[in-house]
Amino acid sequence: MNKSVLIKKYSGEYESFDVNKLINSLRRSRADEDIIQDIARKVQEQIEEGMTTKKIYQLAFKMLRSKSRVSASKYKLKKALMELGPTGFPFEKLVGQLLAHEGFATQVGVIVQGNCVQHEIDVIAQKDNNHYMIECKYHSDQGRVCNVKIPLYINSRFLDVEKNWERQIGHDTKLHKGGVYTNTRFTSDAVQYGKCVGLLLTSWDYPMDNGLKDRIDKAGLHPLTALTTLTKAEKSKLLDKGIVLCKELHENPALLEQIGVDKKRHKNILADSKELCQST
C-alpha cells in the first residue's frame, strides 16, 4: 500500500492506517511470526478509506481464530474486558485477583469508615507496609476514557479514608495510597493530576509496560470472556455465578455441566482455559 489511507478510530478521530500498529497488536497474541505477517498482509489488502478500527480488528481476529483459538483469545483481551459488564463487579473481582496474584491480601467490595462518612471501596489491598484503596472505573465502550474528574473524586474519598486509617493502631508506619484502575485509558490531565497527588493509576496500557494488558498476560489471569469456545449466553451464565477468570473455569470443570454445556465441547473449552492460565 503506497498511498496513505485514513481509518476511523473508536474516538471518532481519523488517522493514517499503520500496518506496524496492527502487527504489534497481533504480536500480543503470541502467534507465530509467519502467521502474524500473513494476517497483516491480508488485512492491509482489504483496507479502504474510512474503514473503522473495529472493522480492522474483526478482520484480523477472524483470520487469527482460524489459525489458533488461544492466540485469538489473547488478541481479544481488550474486547474481553469490555464484555465483563454491565455492572463492573466482574472487573473489580479481576483487579482483586490480579493484586492477590502479585502478593497482596485483598478484599473486594468493602464498606470502610472514613473520617466524615462511610465509603464503599472496590478493592482494599495490603502487602507489608503498603495499604491501598483502589477504585475501579469500568467502561463497556472503548471510546470512553477517564478524565481528570475521576482521580479528583477518588483522591477526595481516599483522603477521608486515610484520616481514619491513620488513627488506627499500627498504621503509623504504613504507606497509604489511593488508586484508580480502568479498562480503558486516562486523559493526559488525569495522569498529570494522579502523579501530582500520588495516586496509583492503572489503565489498559498505563503505566507503560505495566498496564492491565501486560499484567494480565504475565499472570495468566485472562477473563473467561476471552474464550472463543464459549457462546455469549454461556459466558453470561458463568458471570452471573460470579465466575470471571479462565483460571476459575480450569480449576472447576463441573461449572460447564452446571450451565448446560454439551460434554462434547468440554475438552476444547478446558484446553483453551488451561493454556490461557499459563503466565508469560
C-alpha atoms as a PDB file:
ATOM      1  CA  MET A   1       0.000   0.000   0.000  1.00  0.00           C
ATOM      2  CA  ASN A   2       1.734   3.120  -1.221  1.00  0.00           C
ATOM      3  CA  LYS A   3      -0.810   5.851  -0.580  1.00  0.00           C
ATOM      4  CA  SER A   4      -1.954   6.854   2.892  1.00  0.00           C
ATOM      5  CA  VAL A   5      -5.432   5.608   3.801  1.00  0.00           C
ATOM      6  CA  LEU A   6      -7.406   7.255   6.617  1.00  0.00           C
ATOM      7  CA  ILE A   7      -9.159   4.985   9.108  1.00  0.00           C
ATOM      8  CA  LYS A   8     -11.680   5.914  11.810  1.00  0.00           C
ATOM      9  CA  LYS A   9     -10.741   5.313  15.469  1.00  0.00           C
ATOM     10  CA  TYR A  10     -13.173   4.487  18.316  1.00  0.00           C
ATOM     11  CA  SER A  11     -12.941   8.139  19.422  1.00  0.00           C
ATOM     12  CA  GLY A  12     -14.299   9.254  16.037  1.00  0.00           C
ATOM     13  CA  GLU A  13     -10.959  10.751  15.010  1.00  0.00           C
ATOM     14  CA  TYR A  14      -9.214   9.741  11.796  1.00  0.00           C
ATOM     15  CA  GLU A  15      -5.613   8.640  11.385  1.00  0.00           C
ATOM     16  CA  SER A  16      -3.492   7.059   8.657  1.00  0.00           C
ATOM     17  CA  PHE A  17      -3.536   3.278   8.675  1.00  0.00           C
ATOM     18  CA  ASP A  18      -0.240   1.974  10.060  1.00  0.00           C
ATOM     19  CA  VAL A  19       0.371  -1.709   9.391  1.00  0.00           C
ATOM     20  CA  ASN A  20       3.071  -1.769  12.098  1.00  0.00           C
ATOM     21  CA  LYS A  21       0.448  -0.936  14.748  1.00  0.00           C
ATOM     22  CA  LEU A  22      -1.586  -3.916  13.550  1.00  0.00           C
ATOM     23  CA  ILE A  23       1.490  -6.176  13.622  1.00  0.00           C
ATOM     24  CA  ASN A  24       2.373  -5.067  17.176  1.00  0.00           C
ATOM     25  CA  SER A  25      -1.185  -5.702  18.401  1.00  0.00           C
ATOM     26  CA  LEU A  26      -1.139  -9.149  16.786  1.00  0.00           C
ATOM     27  CA  ARG A  27       2.162  -9.972  18.497  1.00  0.00           C
ATOM     28  CA  ARG A  28       0.345  -9.776  21.840  1.00  0.00           C
ATOM     29  CA  SER A  29      -1.419 -12.970  20.752  1.00  0.00           C
ATOM     30  CA  ARG A  30       1.897 -14.898  20.879  1.00  0.00           C
ATOM     31  CA  ALA A  31       1.047 -16.370  17.472  1.00  0.00           C
ATOM     32  CA  ASP A  32       3.875 -17.452  15.163  1.00  0.00           C
ATOM     33  CA  GLU A  33       5.503 -14.526  13.391  1.00  0.00           C
ATOM     34  CA  ASP A  34       4.730 -16.062   9.971  1.00  0.00           C
ATOM     35  CA  ILE A  35       1.026 -16.114  10.839  1.00  0.00           C
ATOM     36  CA  ILE A  36       1.153 -12.517  12.093  1.00  0.00           C
ATOM     37  CA  GLN A  37       2.841 -11.246   8.937  1.00  0.00           C
ATOM     38  CA  ASP A  38       0.410 -13.186   6.720  1.00  0.00           C
ATOM     39  CA  ILE A  39      -2.640 -11.761   8.528  1.00  0.00           C
ATOM     40  CA  ALA A  40      -1.217  -8.225   8.431  1.00  0.00           C
ATOM     41  CA  ARG A  41      -0.641  -8.515   4.677  1.00  0.00           C
ATOM     42  CA  LYS A  42      -4.161  -9.849   4.032  1.00  0.00           C
ATOM     43  CA  VAL A  43      -5.794  -7.165   6.203  1.00  0.00           C
ATOM     44  CA  GLN A  44      -3.740  -4.457   4.521  1.00  0.00           C
ATOM     45  CA  GLU A  45      -5.017  -5.614   1.135  1.00  0.00           C
ATOM     46  CA  GLN A  46      -8.613  -5.075   2.343  1.00  0.00           C
ATOM     47  CA  ILE A  47      -8.160  -1.632   3.917  1.00  0.00           C
ATOM     48  CA  GLU A  48     -10.454   1.031   2.471  1.00  0.00           C
ATOM     49  CA  GLU A  49     -10.724   4.774   3.059  1.00  0.00           C
ATOM     50  CA  GLY A  50     -12.771   5.494   6.203  1.00  0.00           C
ATOM     51  CA  MET A  51     -12.732   1.895   7.462  1.00  0.00           C
ATOM     52  CA  THR A  52     -13.143   1.698  11.238  1.00  0.00           C
ATOM     53  CA  THR A  53     -10.539   0.267  13.590  1.00  0.00           C
ATOM     54  CA  LYS A  54     -13.351  -2.004  14.843  1.00  0.00           C
ATOM     55  CA  LYS A  55     -13.752  -3.496  11.363  1.00  0.00           C
ATOM     56  CA  ILE A  56      -9.973  -3.928  11.016  1.00  0.00           C
ATOM     57  CA  TYR A  57      -9.869  -5.725  14.374  1.00  0.00           C
ATOM     58  CA  GLN A  58     -12.739  -8.012  13.290  1.00  0.00           C
ATOM     59  CA  LEU A  59     -10.919  -8.939  10.081  1.00  0.00           C
ATOM     60  CA  ALA A  60      -7.679  -9.735  11.903  1.00  0.00           C
ATOM     61  CA  PHE A  61      -9.456 -11.611  14.709  1.00  0.00           C
ATOM     62  CA  LYS A  62     -11.375 -13.845  12.297  1.00  0.00           C
ATOM     63  CA  MET A  63      -8.185 -14.771  10.443  1.00  0.00           C
ATOM     64  CA  LEU A  64      -6.288 -15.410  13.661  1.00  0.00           C
ATOM     65  CA  ARG A  65      -9.070 -17.564  15.130  1.00  0.00           C
ATOM     66  CA  SER A  66      -8.918 -19.817  12.063  1.00  0.00           C
ATOM     67  CA  LYS A  67      -5.216 -20.419  12.832  1.00  0.00           C
ATOM     68  CA  SER A  68      -5.238 -20.617  16.646  1.00  0.00           C
ATOM     69  CA  ARG A  69      -8.121 -20.289  19.120  1.00  0.00           C
ATOM     70  CA  VAL A  70      -5.839 -19.433  22.057  1.00  0.00           C
ATOM     71  CA  SER A  71      -3.926 -16.787  20.115  1.00  0.00           C
ATOM     72  CA  ALA A  72      -7.272 -15.274  19.128  1.00  0.00           C
ATOM     73  CA  SER A  73      -8.326 -15.267  22.801  1.00  0.00           C
ATOM     74  CA  LYS A  74      -5.166 -13.379  23.770  1.00  0.00           C
ATOM     75  CA  TYR A  75      -5.648 -10.962  20.888  1.00  0.00           C
ATOM     76  CA  LYS A  76      -9.188 -10.120  22.037  1.00  0.00           C
ATOM     77  CA  LEU A  77      -8.213  -9.263  25.638  1.00  0.00           C
ATOM     78  CA  LYS A  78      -9.272  -5.611  25.367  1.00  0.00           C
ATOM     79  CA  LYS A  79     -12.661  -6.611  23.933  1.00  0.00           C
ATOM     80  CA  ALA A  80     -12.965  -9.394  26.528  1.00  0.00           C
ATOM     81  CA  LEU A  81     -12.630  -6.802  29.311  1.00  0.00           C
ATOM     82  CA  MET A  82     -15.402  -4.760  27.659  1.00  0.00           C
ATOM     83  CA  GLU A  83     -17.624  -7.859  27.740  1.00  0.00           C
ATOM     84  CA  LEU A  84     -17.387  -8.224  31.532  1.00  0.00           C
ATOM     85  CA  GLY A  85     -20.200  -5.697  32.105  1.00  0.00           C
ATOM     86  CA  PRO A  86     -22.573  -4.216  32.600  1.00  0.00           C
ATOM     87  CA  THR A  87     -22.240  -3.898  36.394  1.00  0.00           C
ATOM     88  CA  GLY A  88     -18.475  -3.523  36.660  1.00  0.00           C
ATOM     89  CA  PHE A  89     -18.272  -6.029  39.530  1.00  0.00           C
ATOM     90  CA  PRO A  90     -16.525  -8.722  37.441  1.00  0.00           C
ATOM     91  CA  PHE A  91     -13.851  -6.133  36.609  1.00  0.00           C
ATOM     92  CA  GLU A  92     -13.419  -5.355  40.324  1.00  0.00           C
ATOM     93  CA  LYS A  93     -13.009  -9.067  41.006  1.00  0.00           C
ATOM     94  CA  LEU A  94     -10.416  -9.364  38.221  1.00  0.00           C
ATOM     95  CA  VAL A  95      -8.429  -6.442  39.683  1.00  0.00           C
ATOM     96  CA  GLY A  96      -8.610  -8.051  43.141  1.00  0.00           C
ATOM     97  CA  GLN A  97      -7.356 -11.373  41.732  1.00  0.00           C
ATOM     98  CA  LEU A  98      -4.542  -9.595  39.882  1.00  0.00           C
ATOM     99  CA  LEU A  99      -3.342  -7.873  43.063  1.00  0.00           C
ATOM    100  CA  ALA A 100      -3.683 -11.121  45.023  1.00  0.00           C
ATOM    101  CA  HIS A 101      -1.514 -12.871  42.411  1.00  0.00           C
ATOM    102  CA  GLU A 102       1.064 -10.126  42.976  1.00  0.00           C
ATOM    103  CA  GLY A 103       1.218 -10.904  46.690  1.00  0.00           C
ATOM    104  CA  PHE A 104      -1.405  -8.609  48.205  1.00  0.00           C
ATOM    105  CA  ALA A 105      -4.063  -9.619  50.700  1.00  0.00           C
ATOM    106  CA  THR A 106      -7.214  -8.300  49.039  1.00  0.00           C
ATOM    107  CA  GLN A 107     -10.870  -7.600  49.808  1.00  0.00           C
ATOM    108  CA  VAL A 108     -13.398  -6.699  47.115  1.00  0.00           C
ATOM    109  CA  GLY A 109     -16.471  -4.520  47.727  1.00  0.00           C
ATOM    110  CA  VAL A 110     -15.759  -3.348  51.282  1.00  0.00           C
ATOM    111  CA  ILE A 111     -17.584  -0.735  53.378  1.00  0.00           C
ATOM    112  CA  VAL A 112     -14.941   1.442  55.066  1.00  0.00           C
ATOM    113  CA  GLN A 113     -15.457   4.196  57.631  1.00  0.00           C
ATOM    114  CA  GLY A 114     -13.835   7.465  56.641  1.00  0.00           C
ATOM    115  CA  ASN A 115     -13.223  10.473  58.852  1.00  0.00           C
ATOM    116  CA  CYS A 116     -16.502  12.049  57.744  1.00  0.00           C
ATOM    117  CA  VAL A 117     -18.623   9.365  56.055  1.00  0.00           C
ATOM    118  CA  GLN A 118     -18.667   5.688  55.080  1.00  0.00           C
ATOM    119  CA  HIS A 119     -17.346   4.637  51.678  1.00  0.00           C
ATOM    120  CA  GLU A 120     -17.838   1.513  49.599  1.00  0.00           C
ATOM    121  CA  ILE A 121     -14.369   0.653  48.318  1.00  0.00           C
ATOM    122  CA  ASP A 122     -13.944  -1.589  45.277  1.00  0.00           C
ATOM    123  CA  VAL A 123     -10.644  -3.196  46.359  1.00  0.00           C
ATOM    124  CA  ILE A 124      -8.577  -2.946  49.550  1.00  0.00           C
ATOM    125  CA  ALA A 125      -5.070  -4.354  49.086  1.00  0.00           C
ATOM    126  CA  GLN A 126      -2.346  -4.847  51.720  1.00  0.00           C
ATOM    127  CA  LYS A 127       1.220  -6.120  51.462  1.00  0.00           C
ATOM    128  CA  ASP A 128       3.962  -5.499  54.026  1.00  0.00           C
ATOM    129  CA  ASN A 129       3.545  -1.829  54.977  1.00  0.00           C
ATOM    130  CA  ASN A 130       1.594  -0.914  51.847  1.00  0.00           C
ATOM    131  CA  HIS A 131      -2.130  -0.314  52.329  1.00  0.00           C
ATOM    132  CA  TYR A 132      -4.062   0.606  49.181  1.00  0.00           C
ATOM    133  CA  MET A 133      -7.590   1.822  48.486  1.00  0.00           C
ATOM    134  CA  ILE A 134      -8.398   1.001  44.845  1.00  0.00           C
ATOM    135  CA  GLU A 135     -11.395   2.236  42.877  1.00  0.00           C
ATOM    136  CA  CYS A 136     -12.273   0.533  39.585  1.00  0.00           C
ATOM    137  CA  LYS A 137     -13.716   2.538  36.714  1.00  0.00           C
ATOM    138  CA  TYR A 138     -15.177   0.104  34.193  1.00  0.00           C
ATOM    139  CA  HIS A 139     -16.379   1.053  30.713  1.00  0.00           C
ATOM    140  CA  SER A 140     -18.126  -1.202  28.202  1.00  0.00           C
ATOM    141  CA  ASP A 141     -17.457   1.354  25.458  1.00  0.00           C
ATOM    142  CA  GLN A 142     -13.907   1.625  24.157  1.00  0.00           C
ATOM    143  CA  GLY A 143     -14.460   5.264  23.207  1.00  0.00           C
ATOM    144  CA  ARG A 144     -14.901   6.320  26.845  1.00  0.00           C
ATOM    145  CA  VAL A 145     -11.899   7.429  28.883  1.00  0.00           C
ATOM    146  CA  CYS A 146     -11.217   8.515  32.466  1.00  0.00           C
ATOM    147  CA  ASN A 147     -10.880  12.283  32.593  1.00  0.00           C
ATOM    148  CA  VAL A 148      -9.394  14.316  35.445  1.00  0.00           C
ATOM    149  CA  LYS A 149     -12.724  14.394  37.345  1.00  0.00           C
ATOM    150  CA  ILE A 150     -12.325  10.694  38.212  1.00  0.00           C
ATOM    151  CA  PRO A 151      -8.952  10.892  40.068  1.00  0.00           C
ATOM    152  CA  LEU A 152     -10.062  14.179  41.666  1.00  0.00           C
ATOM    153  CA  TYR A 153     -13.122  12.436  43.116  1.00  0.00           C
ATOM    154  CA  ILE A 154     -11.236   9.272  44.104  1.00  0.00           C
ATOM    155  CA  ASN A 155      -8.495  11.251  45.824  1.00  0.00           C
ATOM    156  CA  SER A 156     -11.014  13.178  47.946  1.00  0.00           C
ATOM    157  CA  ARG A 157     -12.557   9.872  49.062  1.00  0.00           C
ATOM    158  CA  PHE A 158      -9.119   8.409  49.763  1.00  0.00           C
ATOM    159  CA  LEU A 159      -8.105  11.400  51.926  1.00  0.00           C
ATOM    160  CA  ASP A 160     -11.239  10.903  54.049  1.00  0.00           C
ATOM    161  CA  VAL A 161     -10.484   7.182  54.483  1.00  0.00           C
ATOM    162  CA  GLU A 162      -6.771   7.831  55.122  1.00  0.00           C
ATOM    163  CA  LYS A 163      -7.574  10.157  58.054  1.00  0.00           C
ATOM    164  CA  ASN A 164      -9.446   7.323  59.741  1.00  0.00           C
ATOM    165  CA  TRP A 165      -6.776   4.716  58.905  1.00  0.00           C
ATOM    166  CA  GLU A 166      -4.045   6.882  60.408  1.00  0.00           C
ATOM    167  CA  ARG A 167      -5.820   6.867  63.768  1.00  0.00           C
ATOM    168  CA  GLN A 168      -5.784   3.067  63.916  1.00  0.00           C
ATOM    169  CA  ILE A 169      -3.166   1.143  65.903  1.00  0.00           C
ATOM    170  CA  GLY A 170      -0.219   0.005  63.809  1.00  0.00           C
ATOM    171  CA  HIS A 171      -0.993   2.290  60.900  1.00  0.00           C
ATOM    172  CA  ASP A 172       1.543   4.980  61.775  1.00  0.00           C
ATOM    173  CA  THR A 173       4.255   3.103  59.827  1.00  0.00           C
ATOM    174  CA  LYS A 174       2.068   2.086  56.860  1.00  0.00           C
ATOM    175  CA  LEU A 175       2.187   3.678  53.424  1.00  0.00           C
ATOM    176  CA  HIS A 176      -1.383   4.552  52.499  1.00  0.00           C
ATOM    177  CA  LYS A 177      -2.213   5.149  48.861  1.00  0.00           C
ATOM    178  CA  GLY A 178      -5.333   5.580  46.777  1.00  0.00           C
ATOM    179  CA  GLY A 179      -5.594   4.237  43.247  1.00  0.00           C
ATOM    180  CA  VAL A 180      -7.736   4.083  40.140  1.00  0.00           C
ATOM    181  CA  TYR A 181      -7.885   1.107  37.768  1.00  0.00           C
ATOM    182  CA  THR A 182      -9.689   1.403  34.446  1.00  0.00           C
ATOM    183  CA  ASN A 183     -10.058  -0.949  31.489  1.00  0.00           C
ATOM    184  CA  THR A 184      -9.838   1.961  29.015  1.00  0.00           C
ATOM    185  CA  ARG A 185      -7.468   4.949  29.184  1.00  0.00           C
ATOM    186  CA  PHE A 186      -6.742   8.102  31.202  1.00  0.00           C
ATOM    187  CA  THR A 187      -6.609  11.575  29.698  1.00  0.00           C
ATOM    188  CA  SER A 188      -3.278  13.398  29.998  1.00  0.00           C
ATOM    189  CA  ASP A 189      -4.788  15.700  32.671  1.00  0.00           C
ATOM    190  CA  ALA A 190      -5.906  12.677  34.706  1.00  0.00           C
ATOM    191  CA  VAL A 191      -2.374  11.228  34.583  1.00  0.00           C
ATOM    192  CA  GLN A 192      -0.820  14.590  35.474  1.00  0.00           C
ATOM    193  CA  TYR A 193      -3.130  15.040  38.482  1.00  0.00           C
ATOM    194  CA  GLY A 194      -2.690  11.432  39.614  1.00  0.00           C
ATOM    195  CA  LYS A 195       1.100  11.759  39.559  1.00  0.00           C
ATOM    196  CA  CYS A 196       0.928  15.079  41.414  1.00  0.00           C
ATOM    197  CA  VAL A 197      -1.127  13.746  44.348  1.00  0.00           C
ATOM    198  CA  GLY A 198       0.467  10.264  44.406  1.00  0.00           C
ATOM    199  CA  LEU A 199      -2.449   8.141  43.190  1.00  0.00           C
ATOM    200  CA  LEU A 200      -1.747   4.696  41.744  1.00  0.00           C
ATOM    201  CA  LEU A 201      -3.082   4.855  38.183  1.00  0.00           C
ATOM    202  CA  THR A 202      -3.509   1.741  36.048  1.00  0.00           C
ATOM    203  CA  SER A 203      -5.245   1.567  32.678  1.00  0.00           C
ATOM    204  CA  TRP A 204      -5.225  -0.715  29.650  1.00  0.00           C
ATOM    205  CA  ASP A 205      -1.734   0.490  28.685  1.00  0.00           C
ATOM    206  CA  TYR A 206      -0.582   2.699  31.597  1.00  0.00           C
ATOM    207  CA  PRO A 207       1.984   2.668  33.153  1.00  0.00           C
ATOM    208  CA  MET A 208       3.990   1.751  30.058  1.00  0.00           C
ATOM    209  CA  ASP A 209       4.831  -1.982  30.023  1.00  0.00           C
ATOM    210  CA  ASN A 210       2.946  -2.431  33.314  1.00  0.00           C
ATOM    211  CA  GLY A 211      -0.656  -1.698  32.360  1.00  0.00           C
ATOM    212  CA  LEU A 212      -3.538  -4.144  32.625  1.00  0.00           C
ATOM    213  CA  LYS A 213      -2.747  -5.863  29.306  1.00  0.00           C
ATOM    214  CA  ASP A 214       0.848  -6.572  30.411  1.00  0.00           C
ATOM    215  CA  ARG A 215      -0.035  -7.693  33.930  1.00  0.00           C
ATOM    216  CA  ILE A 216      -2.912  -9.967  32.828  1.00  0.00           C
ATOM    217  CA  ASP A 217      -0.688 -11.644  30.240  1.00  0.00           C
ATOM    218  CA  LYS A 218       2.144 -12.013  32.736  1.00  0.00           C
ATOM    219  CA  ALA A 219      -0.103 -13.503  35.431  1.00  0.00           C
ATOM    220  CA  GLY A 220      -2.189 -15.692  33.109  1.00  0.00           C
ATOM    221  CA  LEU A 221      -5.386 -14.216  34.558  1.00  0.00           C
ATOM    222  CA  HIS A 222      -7.433 -13.872  31.382  1.00  0.00           C
ATOM    223  CA  PRO A 223     -11.169 -13.215  31.730  1.00  0.00           C
ATOM    224  CA  LEU A 224     -13.392 -16.084  30.576  1.00  0.00           C
ATOM    225  CA  THR A 225     -14.961 -13.666  28.090  1.00  0.00           C
ATOM    226  CA  ALA A 226     -11.763 -14.088  26.035  1.00  0.00           C
ATOM    227  CA  LEU A 227     -12.621 -17.716  25.253  1.00  0.00           C
ATOM    228  CA  THR A 228     -13.703 -18.294  21.654  1.00  0.00           C
ATOM    229  CA  THR A 229     -15.093 -21.735  22.574  1.00  0.00           C
ATOM    230  CA  LEU A 230     -17.936 -20.400  24.754  1.00  0.00           C
ATOM    231  CA  THR A 231     -21.078 -18.694  23.471  1.00  0.00           C
ATOM    232  CA  LYS A 232     -22.112 -15.252  24.687  1.00  0.00           C
ATOM    233  CA  ALA A 233     -25.035 -16.803  26.612  1.00  0.00           C
ATOM    234  CA  GLU A 234     -22.722 -19.324  28.326  1.00  0.00           C
ATOM    235  CA  LYS A 235     -20.323 -16.562  29.347  1.00  0.00           C
ATOM    236  CA  SER A 236     -23.245 -14.601  30.808  1.00  0.00           C
ATOM    237  CA  LYS A 237     -24.334 -17.624  32.868  1.00  0.00           C
ATOM    238  CA  LEU A 238     -20.821 -18.012  34.305  1.00  0.00           C
ATOM    239  CA  LEU A 239     -20.533 -14.284  35.066  1.00  0.00           C
ATOM    240  CA  ASP A 240     -23.926 -14.474  36.825  1.00  0.00           C
ATOM    241  CA  LYS A 241     -22.422 -17.192  39.036  1.00  0.00           C
ATOM    242  CA  GLY A 242     -19.536 -14.847  39.929  1.00  0.00           C
ATOM    243  CA  ILE A 243     -17.035 -16.710  37.731  1.00  0.00           C
ATOM    244  CA  VAL A 244     -14.757 -14.225  35.966  1.00  0.00           C
ATOM    245  CA  LEU A 245     -11.463 -15.918  35.056  1.00  0.00           C
ATOM    246  CA  CYS A 246     -10.420 -18.788  32.779  1.00  0.00           C
ATOM    247  CA  LYS A 247      -8.417 -19.946  35.804  1.00  0.00           C
ATOM    248  CA  GLU A 248     -11.622 -20.480  37.807  1.00  0.00           C
ATOM    249  CA  LEU A 249     -13.110 -22.498  34.954  1.00  0.00           C
ATOM    250  CA  HIS A 250      -9.974 -24.597  34.602  1.00  0.00           C
ATOM    251  CA  GLU A 251      -9.940 -25.325  38.339  1.00  0.00           C
ATOM    252  CA  ASN A 252     -13.648 -26.235  38.442  1.00  0.00           C
ATOM    253  CA  PRO A 253     -14.642 -28.047  35.193  1.00  0.00           C
ATOM    254  CA  ALA A 254     -18.007 -29.030  36.705  1.00  0.00           C
ATOM    255  CA  LEU A 255     -19.133 -25.451  36.063  1.00  0.00           C
ATOM    256  CA  LEU A 256     -19.565 -26.305  32.384  1.00  0.00           C
ATOM    257  CA  GLU A 257     -22.065 -29.049  33.181  1.00  0.00           C
ATOM    258  CA  GLN A 258     -23.869 -26.761  35.629  1.00  0.00           C
ATOM    259  CA  ILE A 259     -24.586 -24.210  32.909  1.00  0.00           C
ATOM    260  CA  GLY A 260     -25.603 -26.881  30.391  1.00  0.00           C
ATOM    261  CA  VAL A 261     -22.618 -27.016  28.018  1.00  0.00           C
ATOM    262  CA  ASP A 262     -22.611 -30.162  25.846  1.00  0.00           C
ATOM    263  CA  LYS A 263     -19.967 -32.602  27.151  1.00  0.00           C
ATOM    264  CA  LYS A 264     -18.521 -32.951  23.641  1.00  0.00           C
ATOM    265  CA  ARG A 265     -17.359 -29.338  23.877  1.00  0.00           C
ATOM    266  CA  HIS A 266     -15.788 -29.554  27.352  1.00  0.00           C
ATOM    267  CA  LYS A 267     -12.399 -30.770  26.137  1.00  0.00           C
ATOM    268  CA  ASN A 268     -11.701 -27.789  23.851  1.00  0.00           C
ATOM    269  CA  ILE A 269     -13.035 -25.245  26.345  1.00  0.00           C
ATOM    270  CA  LEU A 270     -10.905 -26.615  29.188  1.00  0.00           C
ATOM    271  CA  ALA A 271      -7.837 -26.982  26.959  1.00  0.00           C
ATOM    272  CA  ASP A 272      -8.074 -23.325  25.948  1.00  0.00           C
ATOM    273  CA  SER A 273      -8.698 -22.269  29.569  1.00  0.00           C
ATOM    274  CA  LYS A 274      -5.623 -24.154  30.699  1.00  0.00           C
ATOM    275  CA  GLU A 275      -3.404 -22.573  28.060  1.00  0.00           C
ATOM    276  CA  LEU A 276      -4.669 -19.086  28.889  1.00  0.00           C
ATOM    277  CA  CYS A 277      -3.829 -19.687  32.570  1.00  0.00           C
ATOM    278  CA  GLN A 278      -0.141 -20.029  31.751  1.00  0.00           C
ATOM    279  CA  SER A 279       1.833 -16.950  32.749  1.00  0.00           C
ATOM    280  CA  THR A 280       4.239 -15.464  30.254  1.00  0.00           C
END
